[in-house]
PDB file of all heavy atoms in Angstrom:
ATOM      1  N   ALA A   1       1.564  16.344  -2.886  1.00  0.00           N
ATOM      2  CA  ALA A   1       2.261  15.093  -2.696  1.00  0.00           C
ATOM      3  C   ALA A   1       2.082  14.563  -1.322  1.00  0.00           C
ATOM      4  O   ALA A   1       2.081  13.284  -1.132  1.00  0.00           O
ATOM      5  CB  ALA A   1       3.779  15.295  -2.974  1.00  0.00           C
ATOM      6  N   TYR A   2       1.851  15.413  -0.360  1.00  0.00           N
ATOM      7  CA  TYR A   2       1.669  14.951   1.001  1.00  0.00           C
ATOM      8  C   TYR A   2       0.375  14.096   1.095  1.00  0.00           C
ATOM      9  O   TYR A   2       0.390  13.020   1.708  1.00  0.00           O
ATOM     10  CB  TYR A   2       1.546  16.143   1.983  1.00  0.00           C
ATOM     11  CG  TYR A   2       0.972  15.813   3.321  1.00  0.00           C
ATOM     12  CD1 TYR A   2       1.813  15.246   4.264  1.00  0.00           C
ATOM     13  CD2 TYR A   2      -0.326  16.112   3.674  1.00  0.00           C
ATOM     14  CE1 TYR A   2       1.329  14.918   5.510  1.00  0.00           C
ATOM     15  CE2 TYR A   2      -0.776  15.785   4.924  1.00  0.00           C
ATOM     16  CZ  TYR A   2       0.032  15.199   5.859  1.00  0.00           C
ATOM     17  OH  TYR A   2      -0.420  14.861   7.073  1.00  0.00           O
ATOM     18  N   TYR A   3      -0.728  14.616   0.551  1.00  0.00           N
ATOM     19  CA  TYR A   3      -1.979  13.877   0.638  1.00  0.00           C
ATOM     20  C   TYR A   3      -1.907  12.475  -0.061  1.00  0.00           C
ATOM     21  O   TYR A   3      -2.370  11.463   0.411  1.00  0.00           O
ATOM     22  CB  TYR A   3      -3.145  14.675   0.113  1.00  0.00           C
ATOM     23  CG  TYR A   3      -3.254  15.958   0.848  1.00  0.00           C
ATOM     24  CD1 TYR A   3      -2.951  17.241   0.262  1.00  0.00           C
ATOM     25  CD2 TYR A   3      -3.608  15.961   2.148  1.00  0.00           C
ATOM     26  CE1 TYR A   3      -3.125  18.370   0.913  1.00  0.00           C
ATOM     27  CE2 TYR A   3      -3.783  17.170   2.868  1.00  0.00           C
ATOM     28  CZ  TYR A   3      -3.476  18.345   2.237  1.00  0.00           C
ATOM     29  OH  TYR A   3      -3.602  19.512   2.951  1.00  0.00           O
ATOM     30  N   TYR A   4      -1.247  12.516  -1.255  1.00  0.00           N
ATOM     31  CA  TYR A   4      -1.102  11.285  -1.926  1.00  0.00           C
ATOM     32  C   TYR A   4      -0.250  10.264  -1.155  1.00  0.00           C
ATOM     33  O   TYR A   4      -0.662   9.093  -1.087  1.00  0.00           O
ATOM     34  CB  TYR A   4      -0.424  11.517  -3.339  1.00  0.00           C
ATOM     35  CG  TYR A   4      -0.125  10.262  -4.085  1.00  0.00           C
ATOM     36  CD1 TYR A   4      -1.201   9.540  -4.708  1.00  0.00           C
ATOM     37  CD2 TYR A   4       1.197   9.707  -4.168  1.00  0.00           C
ATOM     38  CE1 TYR A   4      -0.913   8.389  -5.409  1.00  0.00           C
ATOM     39  CE2 TYR A   4       1.444   8.559  -4.826  1.00  0.00           C
ATOM     40  CZ  TYR A   4       0.371   7.885  -5.469  1.00  0.00           C
ATOM     41  OH  TYR A   4       0.642   6.721  -6.133  1.00  0.00           O
ATOM     42  N   SER A   5       0.791  10.716  -0.563  1.00  0.00           N
ATOM     43  CA  SER A   5       1.701   9.770   0.163  1.00  0.00           C
ATOM     44  C   SER A   5       0.975   9.234   1.399  1.00  0.00           C
ATOM     45  O   SER A   5       1.147   8.109   1.726  1.00  0.00           O
ATOM     46  CB  SER A   5       2.978  10.411   0.472  1.00  0.00           C
ATOM     47  OG  SER A   5       2.860  11.500   1.395  1.00  0.00           O
ATOM     48  N   VAL A   6       0.203  10.064   2.074  1.00  0.00           N
ATOM     49  CA  VAL A   6      -0.529   9.569   3.213  1.00  0.00           C
ATOM     50  C   VAL A   6      -1.503   8.513   2.822  1.00  0.00           C
ATOM     51  O   VAL A   6      -1.647   7.457   3.443  1.00  0.00           O
ATOM     52  CB  VAL A   6      -1.274  10.783   4.018  1.00  0.00           C
ATOM     53  CG1 VAL A   6      -2.166  10.210   5.064  1.00  0.00           C
ATOM     54  CG2 VAL A   6      -0.219  11.636   4.640  1.00  0.00           C
ATOM     55  N   ILE A   7      -2.310   8.788   1.807  1.00  0.00           N
ATOM     56  CA  ILE A   7      -3.282   7.808   1.316  1.00  0.00           C
ATOM     57  C   ILE A   7      -2.570   6.534   0.885  1.00  0.00           C
ATOM     58  O   ILE A   7      -2.984   5.404   1.261  1.00  0.00           O
ATOM     59  CB  ILE A   7      -4.112   8.406   0.165  1.00  0.00           C
ATOM     60  CG1 ILE A   7      -4.990   9.528   0.704  1.00  0.00           C
ATOM     61  CG2 ILE A   7      -4.939   7.336  -0.554  1.00  0.00           C
ATOM     62  CD1 ILE A   7      -5.615  10.382  -0.389  1.00  0.00           C
ATOM     63  N   ARG A   8      -1.522   6.644   0.147  1.00  0.00           N
ATOM     64  CA  ARG A   8      -0.770   5.451  -0.313  1.00  0.00           C
ATOM     65  C   ARG A   8      -0.273   4.668   0.859  1.00  0.00           C
ATOM     66  O   ARG A   8      -0.378   3.433   0.887  1.00  0.00           O
ATOM     67  CB  ARG A   8       0.388   5.874  -1.212  1.00  0.00           C
ATOM     68  CG  ARG A   8       1.162   4.745  -1.818  1.00  0.00           C
ATOM     69  CD  ARG A   8       2.472   5.135  -2.326  1.00  0.00           C
ATOM     70  NE  ARG A   8       3.298   5.676  -1.262  1.00  0.00           N
ATOM     71  CZ  ARG A   8       4.090   6.728  -1.357  1.00  0.00           C
ATOM     72  NH1 ARG A   8       4.225   7.337  -2.455  1.00  0.00           N
ATOM     73  NH2 ARG A   8       4.768   7.096  -0.322  1.00  0.00           N
ATOM     74  N   ASP A   9       0.299   5.363   1.841  1.00  0.00           N
ATOM     75  CA  ASP A   9       0.805   4.651   3.029  1.00  0.00           C
ATOM     76  C   ASP A   9      -0.266   3.919   3.838  1.00  0.00           C
ATOM     77  O   ASP A   9      -0.069   2.843   4.295  1.00  0.00           O
ATOM     78  CB  ASP A   9       1.569   5.573   3.922  1.00  0.00           C
ATOM     79  CG  ASP A   9       2.876   6.082   3.289  1.00  0.00           C
ATOM     80  OD1 ASP A   9       3.314   5.492   2.293  1.00  0.00           O
ATOM     81  OD2 ASP A   9       3.454   7.074   3.804  1.00  0.00           O
ATOM     82  N   LEU A  10      -1.467   4.552   3.981  1.00  0.00           N
ATOM     83  CA  LEU A  10      -2.572   3.899   4.635  1.00  0.00           C
ATOM     84  C   LEU A  10      -2.958   2.636   3.881  1.00  0.00           C
ATOM     85  O   LEU A  10      -3.197   1.579   4.514  1.00  0.00           O
ATOM     86  CB  LEU A  10      -3.796   4.865   4.703  1.00  0.00           C
ATOM     87  CG  LEU A  10      -3.694   6.008   5.696  1.00  0.00           C
ATOM     88  CD1 LEU A  10      -4.808   6.998   5.436  1.00  0.00           C
ATOM     89  CD2 LEU A  10      -3.762   5.453   7.068  1.00  0.00           C
ATOM     90  N   VAL A  11      -3.053   2.723   2.561  1.00  0.00           N
ATOM     91  CA  VAL A  11      -3.417   1.595   1.751  1.00  0.00           C
ATOM     92  C   VAL A  11      -2.414   0.448   1.841  1.00  0.00           C
ATOM     93  O   VAL A  11      -2.678  -0.726   2.124  1.00  0.00           O
ATOM     94  CB  VAL A  11      -3.677   1.986   0.295  1.00  0.00           C
ATOM     95  CG1 VAL A  11      -3.863   0.802  -0.628  1.00  0.00           C
ATOM     96  CG2 VAL A  11      -4.839   2.965   0.209  1.00  0.00           C
ATOM     97  N   PHE A  12      -1.118   0.820   1.740  1.00  0.00           N
ATOM     98  CA  PHE A  12      -0.048  -0.205   1.798  1.00  0.00           C
ATOM     99  C   PHE A  12      -0.031  -0.849   3.180  1.00  0.00           C
ATOM    100  O   PHE A  12       0.227  -2.081   3.264  1.00  0.00           O
ATOM    101  CB  PHE A  12       1.306   0.409   1.519  1.00  0.00           C
ATOM    102  CG  PHE A  12       1.555   0.729  -0.008  1.00  0.00           C
ATOM    103  CD1 PHE A  12       2.629   1.480  -0.379  1.00  0.00           C
ATOM    104  CD2 PHE A  12       0.661   0.282  -0.949  1.00  0.00           C
ATOM    105  CE1 PHE A  12       2.833   1.778  -1.711  1.00  0.00           C
ATOM    106  CE2 PHE A  12       0.832   0.575  -2.294  1.00  0.00           C
ATOM    107  CZ  PHE A  12       1.942   1.293  -2.640  1.00  0.00           C
ATOM    108  N   LYS A  13      -0.244  -0.057   4.228  1.00  0.00           N
ATOM    109  CA  LYS A  13      -0.224  -0.638   5.609  1.00  0.00           C
ATOM    110  C   LYS A  13      -1.346  -1.697   5.744  1.00  0.00           C
ATOM    111  O   LYS A  13      -1.078  -2.773   6.334  1.00  0.00           O
ATOM    112  CB  LYS A  13      -0.442   0.534   6.625  1.00  0.00           C
ATOM    113  CG  LYS A  13      -0.366   0.009   8.018  1.00  0.00           C
ATOM    114  CD  LYS A  13      -0.493   1.171   8.986  1.00  0.00           C
ATOM    115  CE  LYS A  13      -0.530   0.651  10.390  1.00  0.00           C
ATOM    116  NZ  LYS A  13      -0.822   1.739  11.358  1.00  0.00           N
ATOM    117  N   ARG A  14      -2.462  -1.401   5.227  1.00  0.00           N
ATOM    118  CA  ARG A  14      -3.585  -2.301   5.430  1.00  0.00           C
ATOM    119  C   ARG A  14      -3.608  -3.502   4.405  1.00  0.00           C
ATOM    120  O   ARG A  14      -3.967  -4.577   4.731  1.00  0.00           O
ATOM    121  CB  ARG A  14      -4.942  -1.535   5.305  1.00  0.00           C
ATOM    122  CG  ARG A  14      -6.206  -2.401   5.255  1.00  0.00           C
ATOM    123  CD  ARG A  14      -6.300  -3.376   6.325  1.00  0.00           C
ATOM    124  NE  ARG A  14      -7.492  -4.197   6.299  1.00  0.00           N
ATOM    125  CZ  ARG A  14      -7.586  -5.397   5.629  1.00  0.00           C
ATOM    126  NH1 ARG A  14      -6.597  -5.805   4.917  1.00  0.00           N
ATOM    127  NH2 ARG A  14      -8.689  -6.054   5.629  1.00  0.00           N
ATOM    128  N   PHE A  15      -3.227  -3.212   3.173  1.00  0.00           N
ATOM    129  CA  PHE A  15      -3.409  -4.232   2.113  1.00  0.00           C
ATOM    130  C   PHE A  15      -2.101  -4.863   1.619  1.00  0.00           C
ATOM    131  O   PHE A  15      -2.007  -5.269   0.495  1.00  0.00           O
ATOM    132  CB  PHE A  15      -4.090  -3.579   0.889  1.00  0.00           C
ATOM    133  CG  PHE A  15      -5.552  -3.138   1.233  1.00  0.00           C
ATOM    134  CD1 PHE A  15      -5.788  -1.825   1.556  1.00  0.00           C
ATOM    135  CD2 PHE A  15      -6.535  -4.125   1.223  1.00  0.00           C
ATOM    136  CE1 PHE A  15      -7.103  -1.474   1.879  1.00  0.00           C
ATOM    137  CE2 PHE A  15      -7.814  -3.712   1.597  1.00  0.00           C
ATOM    138  CZ  PHE A  15      -8.133  -2.405   1.865  1.00  0.00           C
ATOM    139  N   THR A  16      -1.121  -4.908   2.511  1.00  0.00           N
ATOM    140  CA  THR A  16       0.137  -5.574   2.160  1.00  0.00           C
ATOM    141  C   THR A  16      -0.111  -7.101   2.182  1.00  0.00           C
ATOM    142  O   THR A  16      -0.741  -7.616   3.054  1.00  0.00           O
ATOM    143  CB  THR A  16       1.227  -5.206   3.107  1.00  0.00           C
ATOM    144  OG1 THR A  16       1.494  -3.846   3.010  1.00  0.00           O
ATOM    145  CG2 THR A  16       2.519  -5.983   2.851  1.00  0.00           C
ATOM    146  N   ARG A  17       0.321  -7.741   1.075  1.00  0.00           N
ATOM    147  CA  ARG A  17       0.134  -9.185   0.967  1.00  0.00           C
ATOM    148  C   ARG A  17       1.485  -9.902   1.159  1.00  0.00           C
ATOM    149  O   ARG A  17       2.194 -10.090   0.154  1.00  0.00           O
ATOM    150  CB  ARG A  17      -0.473  -9.540  -0.387  1.00  0.00           C
ATOM    151  CG  ARG A  17      -1.826  -8.936  -0.627  1.00  0.00           C
ATOM    152  CD  ARG A  17      -2.941  -9.688   0.114  1.00  0.00           C
ATOM    153  NE  ARG A  17      -2.929 -11.088   0.037  1.00  0.00           N
ATOM    154  CZ  ARG A  17      -3.654 -11.771  -0.814  1.00  0.00           C
ATOM    155  NH1 ARG A  17      -4.523 -11.167  -1.622  1.00  0.00           N
ATOM    156  NH2 ARG A  17      -3.568 -13.109  -0.833  1.00  0.00           N
ATOM    157  N   LYS A  18       1.844 -10.264   2.280  1.00  0.00           N
ATOM    158  CA  LYS A  18       3.024 -10.995   2.585  1.00  0.00           C
ATOM    159  C   LYS A  18       3.046 -12.350   1.943  1.00  0.00           C
ATOM    160  O   LYS A  18       4.084 -12.882   1.592  1.00  0.00           O
ATOM    161  CB  LYS A  18       3.377 -11.032   4.068  1.00  0.00           C
ATOM    162  CG  LYS A  18       3.595  -9.624   4.664  1.00  0.00           C
ATOM    163  CD  LYS A  18       3.935  -9.768   6.107  1.00  0.00           C
ATOM    164  CE  LYS A  18       4.323  -8.416   6.714  1.00  0.00           C
ATOM    165  NZ  LYS A  18       3.192  -7.521   6.837  1.00  0.00           N
ATOM    166  N   ASP A  19       1.866 -12.952   1.853  1.00  0.00           N
ATOM    167  CA  ASP A  19       1.771 -14.321   1.301  1.00  0.00           C
ATOM    168  C   ASP A  19       2.063 -14.313  -0.197  1.00  0.00           C
ATOM    169  O   ASP A  19       2.461 -15.288  -0.769  1.00  0.00           O
ATOM    170  CB  ASP A  19       0.457 -14.939   1.546  1.00  0.00           C
ATOM    171  CG  ASP A  19      -0.760 -14.103   0.922  1.00  0.00           C
ATOM    172  OD1 ASP A  19      -0.619 -12.834   0.983  1.00  0.00           O
ATOM    173  OD2 ASP A  19      -1.657 -14.741   0.432  1.00  0.00           O
ATOM    174  N   LYS A  20       1.978 -13.147  -0.879  1.00  0.00           N
ATOM    175  CA  LYS A  20       2.228 -13.043  -2.278  1.00  0.00           C
ATOM    176  C   LYS A  20       3.653 -12.655  -2.596  1.00  0.00           C
ATOM    177  O   LYS A  20       4.069 -12.531  -3.713  1.00  0.00           O
ATOM    178  CB  LYS A  20       1.311 -12.021  -2.966  1.00  0.00           C
ATOM    179  CG  LYS A  20      -0.179 -12.331  -2.877  1.00  0.00           C
ATOM    180  CD  LYS A  20      -0.487 -13.444  -3.778  1.00  0.00           C
ATOM    181  CE  LYS A  20      -2.031 -13.685  -3.740  1.00  0.00           C
ATOM    182  NZ  LYS A  20      -2.433 -14.753  -4.543  1.00  0.00           N
ATOM    183  N   GLY A  21       4.460 -12.415  -1.541  1.00  0.00           N
ATOM    184  CA  GLY A  21       5.843 -12.097  -1.653  1.00  0.00           C
ATOM    185  C   GLY A  21       6.092 -10.634  -2.148  1.00  0.00           C
ATOM    186  O   GLY A  21       7.162 -10.361  -2.703  1.00  0.00           O
ATOM    187  N   CYS A  22       5.139  -9.796  -1.913  1.00  0.00           N
ATOM    188  CA  CYS A  22       5.400  -8.376  -2.354  1.00  0.00           C
ATOM    189  C   CYS A  22       5.149  -7.466  -1.043  1.00  0.00           C
ATOM    190  O   CYS A  22       4.300  -7.772  -0.227  1.00  0.00           O
ATOM    191  CB  CYS A  22       4.568  -7.975  -3.486  1.00  0.00           C
ATOM    192  SG  CYS A  22       2.824  -8.047  -3.154  1.00  0.00           S
ATOM    193  N   ALA A  23       5.808  -6.386  -1.036  1.00  0.00           N
ATOM    194  CA  ALA A  23       5.716  -5.484   0.138  1.00  0.00           C
ATOM    195  C   ALA A  23       4.511  -4.616   0.087  1.00  0.00           C
ATOM    196  O   ALA A  23       3.985  -4.180   1.083  1.00  0.00           O
ATOM    197  CB  ALA A  23       6.968  -4.603   0.206  1.00  0.00           C
ATOM    198  N   ALA A  24       3.948  -4.332  -1.125  1.00  0.00           N
ATOM    199  CA  ALA A  24       2.832  -3.411  -1.214  1.00  0.00           C
ATOM    200  C   ALA A  24       1.915  -3.891  -2.358  1.00  0.00           C
ATOM    201  O   ALA A  24       2.389  -4.443  -3.338  1.00  0.00           O
ATOM    202  CB  ALA A  24       3.314  -2.002  -1.467  1.00  0.00           C
ATOM    203  N   ASN A  25       0.671  -3.658  -2.175  1.00  0.00           N
ATOM    204  CA  ASN A  25      -0.279  -4.062  -3.201  1.00  0.00           C
ATOM    205  C   ASN A  25      -0.677  -2.791  -3.989  1.00  0.00           C
ATOM    206  O   ASN A  25      -1.563  -2.057  -3.650  1.00  0.00           O
ATOM    207  CB  ASN A  25      -1.544  -4.627  -2.430  1.00  0.00           C
ATOM    208  CG  ASN A  25      -2.408  -5.400  -3.399  1.00  0.00           C
ATOM    209  OD1 ASN A  25      -2.444  -5.186  -4.564  1.00  0.00           O
ATOM    210  ND2 ASN A  25      -3.212  -6.342  -2.782  1.00  0.00           N
ATOM    211  N   TYR A  26      -0.033  -2.660  -5.138  1.00  0.00           N
ATOM    212  CA  TYR A  26      -0.166  -1.443  -5.967  1.00  0.00           C
ATOM    213  C   TYR A  26      -1.494  -1.444  -6.666  1.00  0.00           C
ATOM    214  O   TYR A  26      -2.009  -0.377  -6.971  1.00  0.00           O
ATOM    215  CB  TYR A  26       1.009  -1.393  -7.052  1.00  0.00           C
ATOM    216  CG  TYR A  26       2.293  -1.055  -6.317  1.00  0.00           C
ATOM    217  CD1 TYR A  26       3.200  -2.077  -5.956  1.00  0.00           C
ATOM    218  CD2 TYR A  26       2.573   0.209  -6.005  1.00  0.00           C
ATOM    219  CE1 TYR A  26       4.373  -1.777  -5.315  1.00  0.00           C
ATOM    220  CE2 TYR A  26       3.788   0.566  -5.325  1.00  0.00           C
ATOM    221  CZ  TYR A  26       4.685  -0.467  -4.998  1.00  0.00           C
ATOM    222  OH  TYR A  26       5.857  -0.157  -4.406  1.00  0.00           O
ATOM    223  N   GLU A  27      -2.105  -2.595  -6.920  1.00  0.00           N
ATOM    224  CA  GLU A  27      -3.452  -2.616  -7.572  1.00  0.00           C
ATOM    225  C   GLU A  27      -4.453  -1.913  -6.616  1.00  0.00           C
ATOM    226  O   GLU A  27      -5.284  -1.218  -7.126  1.00  0.00           O
ATOM    227  CB  GLU A  27      -3.873  -4.050  -7.893  1.00  0.00           C
ATOM    228  CG  GLU A  27      -3.088  -4.714  -8.985  1.00  0.00           C
ATOM    229  CD  GLU A  27      -1.817  -5.357  -8.473  1.00  0.00           C
ATOM    230  OE1 GLU A  27      -1.649  -5.449  -7.215  1.00  0.00           O
ATOM    231  OE2 GLU A  27      -1.004  -5.757  -9.306  1.00  0.00           O
ATOM    232  N   VAL A  28      -4.399  -2.226  -5.377  1.00  0.00           N
ATOM    233  CA  VAL A  28      -5.292  -1.646  -4.432  1.00  0.00           C
ATOM    234  C   VAL A  28      -5.026  -0.189  -4.326  1.00  0.00           C
ATOM    235  O   VAL A  28      -5.944   0.679  -4.229  1.00  0.00           O
ATOM    236  CB  VAL A  28      -5.272  -2.349  -3.042  1.00  0.00           C
ATOM    237  CG1 VAL A  28      -6.143  -1.635  -2.052  1.00  0.00           C
ATOM    238  CG2 VAL A  28      -5.558  -3.800  -3.179  1.00  0.00           C
ATOM    239  N   ALA A  29      -3.756   0.229  -4.313  1.00  0.00           N
ATOM    240  CA  ALA A  29      -3.414   1.677  -4.238  1.00  0.00           C
ATOM    241  C   ALA A  29      -3.976   2.392  -5.430  1.00  0.00           C
ATOM    242  O   ALA A  29      -4.519   3.537  -5.320  1.00  0.00           O
ATOM    243  CB  ALA A  29      -1.913   1.863  -4.201  1.00  0.00           C
TER     244      ALA A  29
END
């Protein structure tokens, strides 16, 4: 679970789309 959460957090940090009104981009994750 640690590795998955680190990868997910890296992706969310970089690919967050504030212009779309969502906090995280789950498709990219």
